[in-house]
Amino acid sequence: MDIYTGKELTEENFSNYGNLSIDHFIPWSFVLHDELWNLAPTFKNANSQKSNKLPDISLYMDKFCEILYKNFDIMQKNPKRYKKHLEGYLSINIAANNQRKIEKEEFN
């Protein structure tokens, strides 16, 4: 499903919304990488409209997280095949854990 339009990624919708495109949810110009956790399938027209702008988190974060979880769930079932991509997800978790430590230290 395209996170920006809510439409299924089907042949019929490709003719209406543009071909399949891979979007950097957080624009590449911000993160400077192509880690799998930051990529989402979308329609070309929606991706072009978004351009290099940050998405509205209140509108799209839940959908994006759902895609991340589905990807992670598939990969963790075959860790040897997806080891490189799983390491990208681990770096998110490490960063999140470090952030929690910082928050706890600063506010306790």
N, C-alpha and C. Protein backbone atom coordinates (compact mmCIF):
# COMPACT_ATOMS: atom_id res chain seq x y z
N MET A 1 0.84 -1.18 0.00
CA MET A 1 0.00 0.00 0.00
C MET A 1 0.89 1.25 0.00
N ASP A 2 0.49 2.21 -0.77
CA ASP A 2 1.20 3.49 -0.83
C ASP A 2 0.84 4.30 0.43
N ILE A 3 1.85 4.71 1.18
CA ILE A 3 1.56 5.40 2.44
C ILE A 3 1.00 6.80 2.25
N TYR A 4 1.25 7.40 1.10
CA TYR A 4 0.79 8.77 0.89
C TYR A 4 -0.63 8.85 0.33
N THR A 5 -1.01 7.89 -0.51
CA THR A 5 -2.36 7.92 -1.09
C THR A 5 -3.31 6.94 -0.41
N GLY A 6 -2.76 5.94 0.27
CA GLY A 6 -3.59 4.90 0.87
C GLY A 6 -4.10 3.88 -0.14
N LYS A 7 -3.63 3.97 -1.37
CA LYS A 7 -4.08 3.07 -2.44
C LYS A 7 -3.16 1.86 -2.54
N GLU A 8 -3.76 0.73 -2.92
CA GLU A 8 -2.98 -0.49 -3.13
C GLU A 8 -2.07 -0.31 -4.35
N LEU A 9 -0.92 -0.95 -4.30
CA LEU A 9 0.04 -0.89 -5.40
C LEU A 9 -0.34 -1.96 -6.43
N THR A 10 -1.30 -1.63 -7.29
CA THR A 10 -1.79 -2.56 -8.31
C THR A 10 -1.57 -1.97 -9.70
N GLU A 11 -1.65 -2.84 -10.70
CA GLU A 11 -1.49 -2.39 -12.09
C GLU A 11 -2.48 -1.28 -12.43
N GLU A 12 -3.73 -1.46 -12.01
CA GLU A 12 -4.74 -0.44 -12.29
C GLU A 12 -4.36 0.91 -11.67
N ASN A 13 -3.91 0.88 -10.43
CA ASN A 13 -3.52 2.12 -9.76
C ASN A 13 -2.24 2.71 -10.33
N PHE A 14 -1.35 1.86 -10.87
CA PHE A 14 -0.15 2.40 -11.51
C PHE A 14 -0.53 3.31 -12.67
N SER A 15 -1.57 2.92 -13.41
CA SER A 15 -1.97 3.77 -14.54
C SER A 15 -2.61 5.07 -14.06
N ASN A 16 -3.18 5.07 -12.86
CA ASN A 16 -3.81 6.28 -12.31
C ASN A 16 -2.84 7.17 -11.54
N TYR A 17 -1.88 6.57 -10.83
CA TYR A 17 -1.02 7.34 -9.91
C TYR A 17 0.46 7.30 -10.28
N GLY A 18 0.80 6.61 -11.36
CA GLY A 18 2.21 6.51 -11.76
C GLY A 18 2.79 5.17 -11.38
N ASN A 19 3.88 4.82 -12.02
CA ASN A 19 4.55 3.54 -11.77
C ASN A 19 5.04 3.44 -10.33
N LEU A 20 5.50 2.25 -9.99
CA LEU A 20 6.08 2.01 -8.67
C LEU A 20 7.36 2.82 -8.53
N SER A 21 7.53 3.42 -7.38
CA SER A 21 8.71 4.21 -7.08
C SER A 21 9.11 3.89 -5.64
N ILE A 22 10.36 4.04 -5.33
CA ILE A 22 10.83 3.82 -3.95
C ILE A 22 11.16 5.19 -3.36
N ASP A 23 10.50 5.50 -2.26
CA ASP A 23 10.66 6.79 -1.61
C ASP A 23 11.58 6.69 -0.41
N HIS A 24 12.45 7.67 -0.25
CA HIS A 24 13.18 7.84 1.01
C HIS A 24 12.22 8.58 1.93
N PHE A 25 11.67 7.89 2.92
CA PHE A 25 10.69 8.51 3.81
C PHE A 25 11.27 9.78 4.43
N ILE A 26 12.43 9.65 5.02
CA ILE A 26 13.20 10.83 5.42
C ILE A 26 14.11 11.10 4.22
N PRO A 27 13.99 12.24 3.58
CA PRO A 27 14.73 12.47 2.34
C PRO A 27 16.22 12.15 2.44
N TRP A 28 16.74 11.61 1.35
CA TRP A 28 18.15 11.25 1.28
C TRP A 28 19.03 12.43 1.66
N SER A 29 18.63 13.62 1.28
CA SER A 29 19.44 14.81 1.58
C SER A 29 19.58 15.06 3.08
N PHE A 30 18.70 14.46 3.89
CA PHE A 30 18.80 14.59 5.35
C PHE A 30 19.65 13.48 5.95
N VAL A 31 19.50 12.24 5.44
CA VAL A 31 20.16 11.09 6.08
C VAL A 31 21.37 10.56 5.33
N LEU A 32 21.48 10.88 4.05
CA LEU A 32 22.62 10.49 3.21
C LEU A 32 22.88 8.99 3.19
N HIS A 33 21.81 8.20 3.14
CA HIS A 33 21.96 6.75 3.00
C HIS A 33 20.72 6.15 2.35
N ASP A 34 20.87 4.88 1.97
CA ASP A 34 19.78 4.14 1.35
C ASP A 34 19.40 2.93 2.21
N GLU A 35 19.49 3.06 3.52
CA GLU A 35 19.13 1.95 4.41
C GLU A 35 17.68 1.54 4.15
N LEU A 36 17.45 0.24 4.21
CA LEU A 36 16.13 -0.30 3.91
C LEU A 36 15.05 0.27 4.82
N TRP A 37 15.38 0.54 6.07
CA TRP A 37 14.37 1.03 7.01
C TRP A 37 13.81 2.39 6.61
N ASN A 38 14.50 3.12 5.75
CA ASN A 38 14.05 4.45 5.35
C ASN A 38 13.37 4.46 3.98
N LEU A 39 13.18 3.29 3.40
CA LEU A 39 12.60 3.21 2.06
C LEU A 39 11.18 2.68 2.11
N ALA A 40 10.33 3.24 1.27
CA ALA A 40 8.93 2.81 1.22
C ALA A 40 8.46 2.78 -0.23
N PRO A 41 7.73 1.72 -0.61
CA PRO A 41 7.17 1.70 -1.96
C PRO A 41 6.05 2.73 -2.07
N THR A 42 6.02 3.42 -3.18
CA THR A 42 5.00 4.44 -3.38
C THR A 42 4.76 4.63 -4.88
N PHE A 43 3.76 5.37 -5.21
CA PHE A 43 3.53 5.71 -6.61
C PHE A 43 4.46 6.85 -7.00
N LYS A 44 4.91 6.81 -8.25
CA LYS A 44 5.84 7.83 -8.74
C LYS A 44 5.29 9.24 -8.57
N ASN A 45 4.00 9.43 -8.85
CA ASN A 45 3.41 10.77 -8.73
C ASN A 45 3.46 11.27 -7.29
N ALA A 46 3.16 10.40 -6.32
CA ALA A 46 3.20 10.80 -4.91
C ALA A 46 4.63 11.09 -4.48
N ASN A 47 5.56 10.26 -4.93
CA ASN A 47 6.97 10.46 -4.59
C ASN A 47 7.48 11.78 -5.17
N SER A 48 7.10 12.07 -6.40
CA SER A 48 7.53 13.33 -7.03
C SER A 48 6.94 14.54 -6.31
N GLN A 49 5.69 14.42 -5.88
CA GLN A 49 5.06 15.52 -5.14
C GLN A 49 5.75 15.78 -3.82
N LYS A 50 6.12 14.70 -3.13
CA LYS A 50 6.79 14.84 -1.84
C LYS A 50 8.17 15.47 -2.04
N SER A 51 8.85 15.06 -3.09
CA SER A 51 10.16 15.58 -3.43
C SER A 51 11.14 15.40 -2.26
N ASN A 52 11.89 16.42 -1.92
CA ASN A 52 12.88 16.34 -0.83
C ASN A 52 12.34 16.91 0.47
N LYS A 53 11.02 16.93 0.62
CA LYS A 53 10.43 17.47 1.84
C LYS A 53 10.23 16.36 2.87
N LEU A 54 10.29 16.73 4.12
CA LEU A 54 9.95 15.79 5.18
C LEU A 54 8.45 15.54 5.15
N PRO A 55 8.02 14.29 5.34
CA PRO A 55 6.59 14.03 5.35
C PRO A 55 5.95 14.54 6.63
N ASP A 56 4.66 14.75 6.59
CA ASP A 56 3.91 15.15 7.79
C ASP A 56 3.81 13.92 8.69
N ILE A 57 4.57 13.92 9.76
CA ILE A 57 4.65 12.76 10.66
C ILE A 57 3.28 12.39 11.21
N SER A 58 2.46 13.37 11.53
CA SER A 58 1.14 13.07 12.10
C SER A 58 0.25 12.33 11.11
N LEU A 59 0.49 12.50 9.83
CA LEU A 59 -0.32 11.81 8.81
C LEU A 59 0.25 10.46 8.40
N TYR A 60 1.57 10.33 8.36
CA TYR A 60 2.17 9.17 7.72
C TYR A 60 3.00 8.25 8.61
N MET A 61 3.31 8.63 9.82
CA MET A 61 4.22 7.84 10.64
C MET A 61 3.66 6.45 10.96
N ASP A 62 2.40 6.35 11.31
CA ASP A 62 1.83 5.04 11.63
C ASP A 62 1.91 4.09 10.44
N LYS A 63 1.58 4.59 9.26
CA LYS A 63 1.64 3.76 8.05
C LYS A 63 3.08 3.35 7.76
N PHE A 64 4.01 4.29 7.93
CA PHE A 64 5.41 4.00 7.68
C PHE A 64 5.92 2.94 8.66
N CYS A 65 5.56 3.06 9.92
CA CYS A 65 5.98 2.08 10.93
C CYS A 65 5.41 0.70 10.63
N GLU A 66 4.21 0.66 10.11
CA GLU A 66 3.60 -0.62 9.73
C GLU A 66 4.42 -1.29 8.63
N ILE A 67 4.85 -0.51 7.64
CA ILE A 67 5.70 -1.05 6.58
C ILE A 67 7.02 -1.54 7.16
N LEU A 68 7.62 -0.75 8.05
CA LEU A 68 8.88 -1.15 8.68
C LEU A 68 8.73 -2.46 9.41
N TYR A 69 7.65 -2.59 10.17
CA TYR A 69 7.44 -3.82 10.94
C TYR A 69 7.28 -5.02 10.01
N LYS A 70 6.49 -4.87 8.96
CA LYS A 70 6.30 -5.98 8.02
C LYS A 70 7.62 -6.40 7.40
N ASN A 71 8.43 -5.43 6.99
CA ASN A 71 9.75 -5.73 6.42
C ASN A 71 10.62 -6.45 7.42
N PHE A 72 10.68 -5.94 8.64
CA PHE A 72 11.51 -6.53 9.68
C PHE A 72 11.05 -7.95 9.98
N ASP A 73 9.74 -8.15 10.08
CA ASP A 73 9.18 -9.47 10.38
C ASP A 73 9.58 -10.49 9.32
N ILE A 74 9.51 -10.10 8.06
CA ILE A 74 9.91 -11.00 6.97
C ILE A 74 11.40 -11.33 7.07
N MET A 75 12.22 -10.32 7.31
CA MET A 75 13.67 -10.53 7.35
C MET A 75 14.13 -11.34 8.55
N GLN A 76 13.49 -11.15 9.69
CA GLN A 76 13.96 -11.88 10.87
C GLN A 76 13.64 -13.37 10.78
N LYS A 77 12.75 -13.75 9.88
CA LYS A 77 12.44 -15.16 9.68
C LYS A 77 13.53 -15.86 8.87
N ASN A 78 14.39 -15.10 8.21
CA ASN A 78 15.50 -15.65 7.44
C ASN A 78 16.72 -14.74 7.63
N PRO A 79 17.27 -14.72 8.85
CA PRO A 79 18.34 -13.76 9.17
C PRO A 79 19.61 -13.92 8.35
N LYS A 80 19.94 -15.14 7.92
CA LYS A 80 21.15 -15.32 7.11
C LYS A 80 21.02 -14.58 5.78
N ARG A 81 19.86 -14.68 5.18
CA ARG A 81 19.64 -14.05 3.88
C ARG A 81 19.62 -12.53 3.98
N TYR A 82 19.09 -12.00 5.08
CA TYR A 82 18.87 -10.56 5.20
C TYR A 82 19.77 -9.90 6.24
N LYS A 83 20.87 -10.55 6.59
CA LYS A 83 21.74 -10.06 7.66
C LYS A 83 22.11 -8.58 7.48
N LYS A 84 22.55 -8.22 6.29
CA LYS A 84 22.98 -6.84 6.04
C LYS A 84 21.85 -5.85 6.32
N HIS A 85 20.64 -6.18 5.87
CA HIS A 85 19.51 -5.28 6.06
C HIS A 85 19.06 -5.26 7.52
N LEU A 86 19.14 -6.40 8.19
CA LEU A 86 18.77 -6.44 9.61
C LEU A 86 19.70 -5.57 10.44
N GLU A 87 20.96 -5.50 10.07
CA GLU A 87 21.90 -4.65 10.79
C GLU A 87 21.47 -3.19 10.75
N GLY A 88 20.87 -2.76 9.66
CA GLY A 88 20.33 -1.40 9.56
C GLY A 88 19.24 -1.16 10.59
N TYR A 89 18.39 -2.16 10.81
CA TYR A 89 17.34 -2.03 11.81
C TYR A 89 17.93 -2.01 13.22
N LEU A 90 19.01 -2.77 13.43
CA LEU A 90 19.66 -2.75 14.74
C LEU A 90 20.22 -1.38 15.05
N SER A 91 20.73 -0.69 14.04
CA SER A 91 21.27 0.65 14.29
C SER A 91 20.18 1.61 14.73
N ILE A 92 18.95 1.40 14.27
CA ILE A 92 17.83 2.23 14.73
C ILE A 92 17.59 1.97 16.21
N ASN A 93 17.59 0.70 16.57
CA ASN A 93 17.33 0.33 17.96
C ASN A 93 18.43 0.86 18.87
N ILE A 94 19.67 0.76 18.45
CA ILE A 94 20.77 1.30 19.25
C ILE A 94 20.59 2.80 19.45
N ALA A 95 20.26 3.49 18.37
CA ALA A 95 20.05 4.93 18.47
C ALA A 95 18.89 5.24 19.40
N ALA A 96 17.82 4.46 19.32
CA ALA A 96 16.67 4.68 20.19
C ALA A 96 17.05 4.42 21.65
N ASN A 97 17.82 3.36 21.89
CA ASN A 97 18.25 3.08 23.26
C ASN A 97 19.14 4.19 23.79
N ASN A 98 20.05 4.68 22.95
CA ASN A 98 20.90 5.79 23.38
C ASN A 98 20.07 7.02 23.68
N GLN A 99 19.07 7.28 22.87
CA GLN A 99 18.20 8.43 23.10
C GLN A 99 17.46 8.28 24.42
N ARG A 100 16.95 7.08 24.71
CA ARG A 100 16.26 6.87 25.98
C ARG A 100 17.20 7.13 27.15
N LYS A 101 18.45 6.67 27.05
CA LYS A 101 19.41 6.90 28.12
C LYS A 101 19.64 8.39 28.32
N ILE A 102 19.77 9.11 27.23
CA ILE A 102 19.97 10.56 27.33
C ILE A 102 18.77 11.20 28.00
N GLU A 103 17.58 10.83 27.58
CA GLU A 103 16.38 11.41 28.18
C GLU A 103 16.31 11.11 29.67
N LYS A 104 16.61 9.88 30.04
CA LYS A 104 16.54 9.49 31.45
C LYS A 104 17.58 10.26 32.27
N GLU A 105 18.78 10.38 31.75
CA GLU A 105 19.83 11.10 32.46
C GLU A 105 19.50 12.58 32.60
N GLU A 106 18.94 13.16 31.56
CA GLU A 106 18.66 14.59 31.58
C GLU A 106 17.46 14.96 32.44
N PHE A 107 16.48 14.09 32.53
CA PHE A 107 15.24 14.45 33.21
C PHE A 107 15.03 13.78 34.56
N ASN A 108 15.97 12.96 35.01
CA ASN A 108 15.84 12.34 36.34
C ASN A 108 16.62 13.10 37.38
